[in-house]
Amino acid sequence: MGTNQSMHVRLQKKQKMTQQELQRQYQRNLSEQQLAEQLSARQALENSTSFARVAQDLKQIPGINGQAPSVIASTANNESFYHQRTTTIQSSTDARAGRQNFRWIDGRRHHNTEGAPYLLPNDIDEMDRLHLQHYVIRHAFGGNTRAKFDGKIHKDVLDVGCGPGTWILGKFMFSQMSTEHTETNFTGIDISAVWPTEIRPRNCRFQVVNAIEGLPFEDNTFDFVYQRFMIMGYPAKSWPFIIQELVRVTKPGGIIELTEIPVVSNANGPELTRVMDILEQGCLAKGLDTKVARKLDGLLQQAGLEEVKACHASIPVGAWGAKVGQLMRENSAGIWSSLKGLIKELAELNDAQYEAMIKRIFIEYETHKCYINCYCAWGVKPYPKESSTSASDSLSPPASSDATPSSPPTNHAAVV
């Protein structure tokens, strides 16, 4: 009798597992169908009349060869395209105010969180640009991290300012951190919930967080903390506090890695120089630190980290820089589209004047062989010492956000 009961229990368990597998398969098929529909919608957008017009206009620019970067497409269809992808891109909402937490500037959607100065949009076009930017930076630095990442040691990882989650997931989840390190748990946080909600590995989770207000995690939670491209998101006065928060949530022996690009490019022509000066003054007026990229190692050292290292990669912008330069030019096109409203206001330009200015800048990319420097710094959180002072004392922020750090070693990793 006992044997029959045991066989019956095993049969029930097997049937239950089969039902669960069928349900999971159904969800996978549904997600794949949704993904196919989204890709089809993207293709339809790029084949639209507005996109074709932009491609025609760009034929006169040397080095473009009539191929318009995908992120230059007119934003006229941006809202309708956004609604076609609501299954994978989740709008951020402000639960306390009971309203959608975004605003529109010159046809682009931005977050609307009080006290957070982030200047770039959070719409579909910007997410596409961030996907592209990730692969350029990954190639320039030779991997997803500059610090040594070990999945056997780094079991809990935090990505601060994760955006659409590209560093964790990759675009459509191919060959990135979460799939390469399946035993590691990844947490991504951002001020806007623009990450995939339908298709993602089980070892990933995402959370809406405004890092300027502090991180909602216990002390010593993560083995590896990664943050990049927040130069337009954090006020200058907030950087020491945010670094202190990153240190607080990192386990002793854990690693913090920071990556930033300053609000400046190099080997500029006169048009690009003028525009970058205008943009820098606009950022300073909003309380941002346009040169924090060169201070990353100093901030980590002042926060008490050990074994701090820094480097930078020089990345070409333009067809003169071969494939990487072409991709960086496309990323630049997305940046100019994202900053259009701000720069038009600062420079007092209309649409036609702005477009003419961008065309001149694209010519200068080739004639002046422009490039950007991307800076990276990382360090290790020390283990507490028996005779050391309290943790709050050891993690005190620097006296001034304008303190001059040591210069990072030169590491020209330009890929041309």
Protein backbone atom coordinates (compact mmCIF):
# COMPACT_ATOMS: atom_id res chain seq x y z
CA MET A 1 0.00 0.00 0.00
CA GLY A 2 2.83 2.38 0.93
CA THR A 3 4.52 1.67 -2.41
CA ASN A 4 1.35 2.54 -4.33
CA GLN A 5 1.00 5.82 -2.43
CA SER A 6 4.62 6.69 -3.16
CA MET A 7 4.15 6.00 -6.87
CA HIS A 8 0.98 8.12 -6.87
CA VAL A 9 2.80 11.04 -5.23
CA ARG A 10 5.65 10.82 -7.77
CA LEU A 11 3.13 10.74 -10.62
CA GLN A 12 1.38 13.84 -9.26
CA LYS A 13 4.71 15.67 -8.98
CA LYS A 14 5.61 14.70 -12.55
CA GLN A 15 2.26 15.94 -13.85
CA LYS A 16 2.68 19.19 -11.92
CA MET A 17 6.19 19.71 -13.36
CA THR A 18 4.86 19.03 -16.84
CA GLN A 19 2.17 21.67 -16.38
CA GLN A 20 4.78 24.17 -15.17
CA GLU A 21 7.00 23.42 -18.17
CA LEU A 22 4.06 23.94 -20.54
CA GLN A 23 3.27 27.26 -18.86
CA ARG A 24 6.90 28.39 -19.14
CA GLN A 25 6.99 27.34 -22.80
CA TYR A 26 3.83 29.31 -23.46
CA GLN A 27 5.36 32.40 -21.85
CA ARG A 28 8.55 31.96 -23.91
CA ASN A 29 6.59 31.66 -27.14
CA LEU A 30 4.52 34.70 -26.22
CA SER A 31 7.64 36.72 -25.47
CA GLU A 32 9.29 35.67 -28.74
CA GLN A 33 6.18 36.70 -30.66
CA GLN A 34 6.14 40.07 -28.90
CA LEU A 35 9.83 40.54 -29.66
CA ALA A 36 9.24 39.80 -33.35
CA GLU A 37 6.43 42.35 -33.41
CA GLN A 38 8.68 44.98 -31.81
CA LEU A 39 11.45 44.37 -34.33
CA SER A 40 8.92 44.63 -37.13
CA ALA A 41 7.66 47.93 -35.71
CA ARG A 42 11.22 49.26 -35.53
CA GLN A 43 11.82 48.32 -39.16
CA ALA A 44 8.59 50.04 -40.17
CA LEU A 45 9.73 53.21 -38.38
CA GLU A 46 13.11 53.22 -40.13
CA ASN A 47 11.36 52.78 -43.49
CA SER A 48 9.06 55.73 -42.81
CA THR A 49 9.00 58.86 -44.96
CA SER A 50 10.55 61.01 -42.22
CA PHE A 51 13.52 58.67 -41.83
CA ALA A 52 14.05 58.52 -45.61
CA ARG A 53 14.07 62.33 -45.73
CA VAL A 54 16.80 62.51 -43.10
CA ALA A 55 18.86 59.92 -45.00
CA GLN A 56 18.52 62.01 -48.17
CA ASP A 57 19.68 65.14 -46.36
CA LEU A 58 22.75 63.39 -44.99
CA LYS A 59 24.04 62.34 -48.41
CA GLN A 60 25.83 65.66 -48.73
CA ILE A 61 27.93 64.99 -45.60
CA PRO A 62 31.36 63.38 -46.31
CA GLY A 63 31.76 59.95 -44.76
CA ILE A 64 28.05 59.29 -44.28
CA ASN A 65 27.55 57.69 -47.73
CA GLY A 66 23.84 58.28 -47.61
CA GLN A 67 23.34 56.09 -44.53
CA ALA A 68 21.50 57.95 -41.80
CA PRO A 69 22.27 56.79 -38.26
CA SER A 70 19.13 55.09 -36.97
CA VAL A 71 18.84 57.41 -33.97
CA ILE A 72 18.64 60.52 -36.16
CA ALA A 73 15.15 59.53 -37.33
CA SER A 74 12.46 62.16 -36.78
CA THR A 75 10.86 62.07 -33.37
CA ALA A 76 7.46 62.73 -34.93
CA ASN A 77 6.58 59.03 -34.64
CA ASN A 78 8.31 58.56 -31.31
CA GLU A 79 5.18 58.53 -29.17
CA SER A 80 3.24 56.09 -31.36
CA PHE A 81 6.28 53.83 -31.58
CA TYR A 82 6.60 53.96 -27.81
CA HIS A 83 3.06 52.65 -27.39
CA GLN A 84 3.86 49.74 -29.71
CA ARG A 85 6.58 48.65 -27.30
CA THR A 86 4.87 49.05 -23.96
CA THR A 87 5.11 45.30 -23.41
CA THR A 88 8.88 45.56 -22.93
CA ILE A 89 9.47 49.15 -21.89
CA GLN A 90 7.70 50.09 -18.68
CA SER A 91 6.81 53.72 -18.02
CA SER A 92 7.89 55.10 -14.68
CA THR A 93 5.08 56.35 -12.49
CA ASP A 94 5.17 58.45 -9.36
CA ALA A 95 3.02 56.47 -6.94
CA ARG A 96 3.02 59.23 -4.37
CA ALA A 97 1.62 61.80 -6.76
CA GLY A 98 -0.50 59.29 -8.69
CA ARG A 99 0.67 60.67 -12.04
CA GLN A 100 2.99 59.70 -14.87
CA ASN A 101 6.50 60.71 -13.93
CA PHE A 102 7.71 62.26 -17.17
CA ARG A 103 7.54 65.48 -19.19
CA TRP A 104 8.09 66.43 -22.83
CA ILE A 105 10.84 68.72 -24.18
CA ASP A 106 10.97 69.43 -27.91
CA GLY A 107 9.16 66.19 -28.71
CA ARG A 108 11.32 64.01 -26.43
CA ARG A 109 10.15 62.34 -23.24
CA HIS A 110 12.08 63.06 -20.00
CA HIS A 111 11.71 62.01 -16.38
CA ASN A 112 9.98 64.48 -14.09
CA THR A 113 11.51 63.66 -10.71
CA GLU A 114 11.98 66.71 -8.54
CA GLY A 115 15.57 67.47 -7.61
CA ALA A 116 17.10 65.14 -10.23
CA PRO A 117 18.80 67.16 -13.01
CA TYR A 118 19.32 64.32 -15.54
CA LEU A 119 19.36 66.10 -18.91
CA LEU A 120 18.81 63.23 -21.37
CA PRO A 121 15.43 61.74 -22.38
CA ASN A 122 14.05 58.38 -21.26
CA ASP A 123 12.18 57.48 -24.48
CA ILE A 124 12.67 54.71 -27.02
CA ASP A 125 15.16 56.57 -29.20
CA GLU A 126 17.37 57.23 -26.18
CA MET A 127 17.20 53.57 -25.11
CA ASP A 128 18.35 52.54 -28.60
CA ARG A 129 21.25 54.98 -28.32
CA LEU A 130 22.25 53.57 -24.94
CA HIS A 131 22.29 50.05 -26.39
CA LEU A 132 24.63 51.21 -29.14
CA GLN A 133 26.82 53.19 -26.74
CA HIS A 134 27.28 50.13 -24.54
CA TYR A 135 28.84 48.07 -27.31
CA VAL A 136 31.19 50.89 -28.34
CA ILE A 137 32.44 51.31 -24.77
CA ARG A 138 32.66 47.56 -24.25
CA HIS A 139 34.84 47.28 -27.34
CA ALA A 140 37.02 50.26 -26.39
CA PHE A 141 37.79 48.81 -22.95
CA GLY A 142 38.02 45.20 -24.10
CA GLY A 143 35.13 43.86 -22.02
CA ASN A 144 32.18 44.68 -19.78
CA THR A 145 34.44 45.72 -16.88
CA ARG A 146 37.97 47.02 -16.48
CA ALA A 147 38.27 45.59 -13.00
CA LYS A 148 38.61 41.83 -12.87
CA PHE A 149 35.16 40.28 -12.53
CA ASP A 150 34.94 36.76 -11.10
CA GLY A 151 31.51 35.13 -11.09
CA LYS A 152 32.69 32.66 -8.43
CA ILE A 153 33.36 35.56 -6.04
CA HIS A 154 31.01 38.31 -7.17
CA LYS A 155 27.64 36.76 -6.39
CA ASP A 156 25.67 39.97 -5.85
CA VAL A 157 26.11 42.84 -8.31
CA LEU A 158 24.58 46.33 -8.45
CA ASP A 159 24.32 48.43 -11.62
CA VAL A 160 23.62 52.07 -10.70
CA GLY A 161 21.92 54.16 -13.39
CA CYS A 162 21.26 51.02 -15.43
CA GLY A 163 18.92 52.64 -17.99
CA PRO A 164 17.45 49.89 -20.19
CA GLY A 165 19.71 47.35 -18.46
CA THR A 166 22.10 46.86 -21.38
CA TRP A 167 25.18 46.19 -19.23
CA ILE A 168 23.30 43.50 -17.32
CA LEU A 169 21.18 42.08 -20.13
CA GLY A 170 22.74 43.17 -23.40
CA LYS A 171 20.37 44.08 -26.22
CA PHE A 172 17.91 41.19 -26.36
CA MET A 173 19.93 39.45 -23.64
CA PHE A 174 22.78 38.03 -25.73
CA SER A 175 26.25 37.43 -24.21
CA GLN A 176 26.19 39.97 -21.39
CA MET A 177 26.82 39.85 -17.65
CA SER A 178 23.67 38.00 -16.59
CA THR A 179 24.02 35.29 -19.24
CA GLU A 180 27.78 34.89 -18.81
CA HIS A 181 27.47 34.63 -15.00
CA THR A 182 24.28 32.67 -14.37
CA GLU A 183 25.05 32.04 -10.67
CA THR A 184 25.37 35.77 -9.93
CA ASN A 185 22.41 37.92 -8.88
CA PHE A 186 22.17 41.26 -10.68
CA THR A 187 20.27 44.31 -9.47
CA GLY A 188 19.78 47.34 -11.70
CA ILE A 189 18.49 50.69 -10.45
CA ASP A 190 17.52 53.84 -12.32
CA ILE A 191 15.38 56.92 -11.87
CA SER A 192 13.16 55.73 -14.76
CA ALA A 193 11.82 52.20 -15.25
CA VAL A 194 12.84 51.68 -18.87
CA TRP A 195 14.12 48.11 -18.67
CA PRO A 196 12.52 44.99 -20.21
CA THR A 197 9.68 43.55 -18.17
CA GLU A 198 8.81 40.47 -20.25
CA ILE A 199 12.11 38.95 -21.36
CA ARG A 200 14.96 38.71 -18.90
CA PRO A 201 16.96 36.03 -17.04
CA ARG A 202 15.83 34.88 -13.61
CA ASN A 203 19.01 36.22 -11.96
CA CYS A 204 18.08 39.85 -12.73
CA ARG A 205 15.87 42.36 -10.96
CA PHE A 206 15.31 46.08 -11.42
CA GLN A 207 14.14 48.85 -9.13
CA VAL A 208 13.26 52.54 -9.50
CA VAL A 209 15.69 54.50 -7.30
CA ASN A 210 16.83 58.11 -7.19
CA ALA A 211 20.45 57.64 -6.10
CA ILE A 212 20.73 61.29 -5.12
CA GLU A 213 18.45 60.50 -2.17
CA GLY A 214 20.51 57.46 -1.13
CA LEU A 215 20.43 53.73 -1.91
CA PRO A 216 17.67 51.51 -0.41
CA PHE A 217 20.02 48.64 0.44
CA GLU A 218 21.61 47.38 3.65
CA ASP A 219 25.28 47.93 4.38
CA ASN A 220 27.67 45.39 2.79
CA THR A 221 25.12 43.97 0.32
CA PHE A 222 26.99 43.74 -3.00
CA ASP A 223 30.29 42.20 -4.13
CA PHE A 224 30.58 44.38 -7.25
CA VAL A 225 29.07 47.85 -7.85
CA TYR A 226 29.10 49.32 -11.35
CA GLN A 227 28.12 52.84 -12.39
CA ARG A 228 28.64 54.77 -15.62
CA PHE A 229 27.60 57.92 -17.49
CA MET A 230 25.95 59.82 -14.65
CA ILE A 231 27.82 63.06 -15.38
CA MET A 232 24.56 64.63 -16.59
CA GLY A 233 22.56 63.09 -13.77
CA TYR A 234 24.25 64.05 -10.50
CA PRO A 235 24.75 67.59 -9.18
CA ALA A 236 28.40 68.34 -8.45
CA LYS A 237 27.65 68.65 -4.73
CA SER A 238 26.08 65.15 -4.66
CA TRP A 239 29.02 63.16 -6.01
CA PRO A 240 30.84 62.67 -2.66
CA PHE A 241 27.63 61.48 -0.97
CA ILE A 242 26.77 59.11 -3.83
CA ILE A 243 30.27 57.59 -3.82
CA GLN A 244 29.93 57.17 -0.06
CA GLU A 245 26.63 55.35 -0.62
CA LEU A 246 28.25 53.05 -3.18
CA VAL A 247 30.96 52.23 -0.66
CA ARG A 248 28.39 51.64 2.11
CA VAL A 249 26.45 48.99 0.17
CA THR A 250 29.63 47.25 -1.04
CA LYS A 251 30.94 44.29 0.95
CA PRO A 252 34.49 44.48 2.35
CA GLY A 253 36.76 43.16 -0.37
CA GLY A 254 34.18 44.13 -3.00
CA ILE A 255 34.87 46.31 -6.05
CA ILE A 256 33.40 49.62 -7.20
CA GLU A 257 33.90 50.62 -10.84
CA LEU A 258 32.98 54.01 -12.34
CA THR A 259 33.00 55.09 -16.01
CA GLU A 260 32.36 58.58 -17.35
CA ILE A 261 32.86 60.75 -20.44
CA PRO A 262 33.48 64.48 -19.83
CA VAL A 263 31.29 67.08 -21.53
CA VAL A 264 33.96 67.75 -24.14
CA SER A 265 35.40 66.10 -27.24
CA ASN A 266 38.88 66.45 -28.68
CA ALA A 267 40.41 67.74 -31.94
CA ASN A 268 37.29 69.83 -32.43
CA GLY A 269 36.55 72.13 -35.32
CA PRO A 270 35.22 75.66 -34.65
CA GLU A 271 31.53 74.68 -34.80
CA LEU A 272 31.85 71.76 -32.41
CA THR A 273 34.01 73.84 -30.06
CA ARG A 274 31.35 76.54 -29.92
CA VAL A 275 28.53 74.09 -29.26
CA MET A 276 30.47 72.17 -26.60
CA ASP A 277 31.24 75.47 -24.82
CA ILE A 278 27.53 76.33 -24.86
CA LEU A 279 26.61 72.87 -23.56
CA GLU A 280 29.22 73.03 -20.82
CA GLN A 281 27.96 76.40 -19.61
CA GLY A 282 24.40 75.04 -19.61
CA CYS A 283 25.47 72.06 -17.52
CA LEU A 284 27.36 74.28 -15.07
CA ALA A 285 24.28 76.49 -14.72
CA LYS A 286 22.32 73.40 -13.68
CA GLY A 287 24.91 72.55 -11.02
CA LEU A 288 26.61 69.66 -12.85
CA ASP A 289 30.33 68.87 -12.75
CA THR A 290 31.37 68.63 -16.41
CA LYS A 291 34.88 67.41 -15.55
CA VAL A 292 34.07 64.76 -12.94
CA ALA A 293 35.21 62.04 -15.36
CA ARG A 294 38.82 62.98 -14.65
CA LYS A 295 38.25 62.93 -10.87
CA LEU A 296 36.88 59.38 -10.48
CA ASP A 297 40.03 57.86 -8.99
CA GLY A 298 40.35 60.77 -6.54
CA LEU A 299 36.75 60.35 -5.40
CA LEU A 300 37.29 56.64 -4.78
CA GLN A 301 40.52 57.27 -2.87
CA GLN A 302 38.91 59.94 -0.71
CA ALA A 303 36.05 57.55 0.05
CA GLY A 304 38.56 55.10 1.54
CA LEU A 305 38.96 52.57 -1.24
CA GLU A 306 42.24 50.74 -1.74
CA GLU A 307 44.07 49.52 -4.84
CA VAL A 308 42.47 52.33 -6.85
CA LYS A 309 43.36 52.25 -10.53
CA ALA A 310 42.33 54.40 -13.47
CA CYS A 311 42.66 54.49 -17.23
CA HIS A 312 41.05 56.03 -20.27
CA ALA A 313 40.29 54.97 -23.81
CA SER A 314 40.37 57.34 -26.78
CA ILE A 315 37.47 56.60 -29.12
CA PRO A 316 37.29 58.08 -32.64
CA VAL A 317 34.13 59.84 -33.82
CA GLY A 318 33.51 59.61 -37.56
CA ALA A 319 34.11 57.41 -40.56
CA TRP A 320 37.84 58.20 -40.31
CA GLY A 321 37.88 55.88 -37.27
CA ALA A 322 36.69 52.79 -39.18
CA LYS A 323 33.80 50.77 -37.76
CA VAL A 324 34.14 51.98 -34.16
CA GLY A 325 34.29 55.57 -35.35
CA GLN A 326 31.16 55.06 -37.43
CA LEU A 327 29.31 53.60 -34.45
CA MET A 328 30.47 56.46 -32.25
CA ARG A 329 29.27 58.91 -34.90
CA GLU A 330 25.86 57.24 -34.78
CA ASN A 331 25.90 57.49 -30.99
CA SER A 332 26.77 61.17 -31.37
CA ALA A 333 23.78 61.63 -33.67
CA GLY A 334 21.61 60.25 -30.89
CA ILE A 335 23.18 62.62 -28.37
CA TRP A 336 22.49 65.66 -30.57
CA SER A 337 18.90 64.49 -31.02
CA SER A 338 18.50 63.99 -27.26
CA LEU A 339 20.01 67.39 -26.41
CA LYS A 340 18.23 69.29 -29.17
CA GLY A 341 15.71 71.03 -26.92
CA LEU A 342 18.35 72.12 -24.39
CA ILE A 343 20.90 73.39 -26.92
CA LYS A 344 18.26 75.20 -29.00
CA GLU A 345 17.24 77.06 -25.86
CA LEU A 346 20.81 77.83 -24.77
CA ALA A 347 21.98 78.95 -28.23
CA GLU A 348 18.65 80.55 -29.19
CA LEU A 349 18.33 78.51 -32.40
CA ASN A 350 15.30 77.40 -34.39
CA ASP A 351 14.92 73.91 -35.88
CA ALA A 352 16.46 74.77 -39.25
CA GLN A 353 19.44 76.48 -37.65
CA TYR A 354 20.00 73.57 -35.30
CA GLU A 355 19.91 70.98 -38.10
CA ALA A 356 22.34 73.06 -40.19
CA MET A 357 24.68 73.29 -37.21
CA ILE A 358 24.64 69.51 -36.67
CA LYS A 359 25.47 68.94 -40.35
CA ARG A 360 28.50 71.19 -40.01
CA ILE A 361 29.57 69.27 -36.91
CA PHE A 362 29.35 65.97 -38.79
CA ILE A 363 31.66 67.40 -41.44
CA GLU A 364 34.12 68.44 -38.72
CA TYR A 365 34.15 64.90 -37.31
CA GLU A 366 35.93 63.86 -40.51
CA THR A 367 38.01 66.93 -41.36
CA HIS A 368 39.37 67.32 -37.80
CA LYS A 369 39.39 63.61 -36.86
CA CYS A 370 37.51 64.18 -33.63
CA TYR A 371 37.67 61.73 -30.74
CA ILE A 372 36.49 61.44 -27.15
CA ASN A 373 38.22 60.14 -24.04
CA CYS A 374 36.27 57.76 -21.84
CA TYR A 375 37.57 57.50 -18.25
CA CYS A 376 37.31 54.53 -15.91
CA ALA A 377 38.38 54.05 -12.28
CA TRP A 378 37.92 51.20 -9.83
CA GLY A 379 38.96 50.23 -6.33
CA VAL A 380 38.48 47.74 -3.51
CA LYS A 381 36.59 48.37 -0.28
CA PRO A 382 38.96 47.52 2.58
CA TYR A 383 38.17 45.11 5.37
CA PRO A 384 37.57 46.85 8.72
CA LYS A 385 40.60 47.12 10.98
CA GLU A 386 40.32 46.48 14.71
CA SER A 387 41.99 49.77 15.59
CA SER A 388 40.28 51.81 12.88
CA THR A 389 37.78 54.56 13.49
CA SER A 390 34.08 54.12 12.89
CA ALA A 391 32.80 53.29 9.41
CA SER A 392 31.18 56.71 9.14
CA ASP A 393 34.53 58.40 9.74
CA SER A 394 36.40 56.19 7.27
CA LEU A 395 33.83 56.86 4.56
CA SER A 396 33.58 60.61 5.01
CA PRO A 397 33.21 62.50 1.71
CA PRO A 398 35.94 64.82 0.37
CA ALA A 399 35.96 68.36 1.69
CA SER A 400 35.10 69.75 -1.74
CA SER A 401 33.79 68.27 -4.95
CA ASP A 402 36.30 70.50 -6.74
CA ALA A 403 39.31 68.80 -5.18
CA THR A 404 41.95 67.94 -7.76
CA PRO A 405 42.62 64.18 -7.95
CA SER A 406 45.65 62.46 -9.29
CA SER A 407 45.74 62.22 -13.07
CA PRO A 408 44.78 58.83 -14.52
CA PRO A 409 47.51 56.97 -16.38
CA THR A 410 47.37 57.34 -20.12
CA ASN A 411 45.93 54.30 -21.86
CA HIS A 412 45.18 55.27 -25.45
CA ALA A 413 42.89 52.41 -26.42
CA ALA A 414 41.64 54.03 -29.60
CA VAL A 415 40.40 51.47 -32.08
CA VAL A 416 40.83 52.77 -35.60
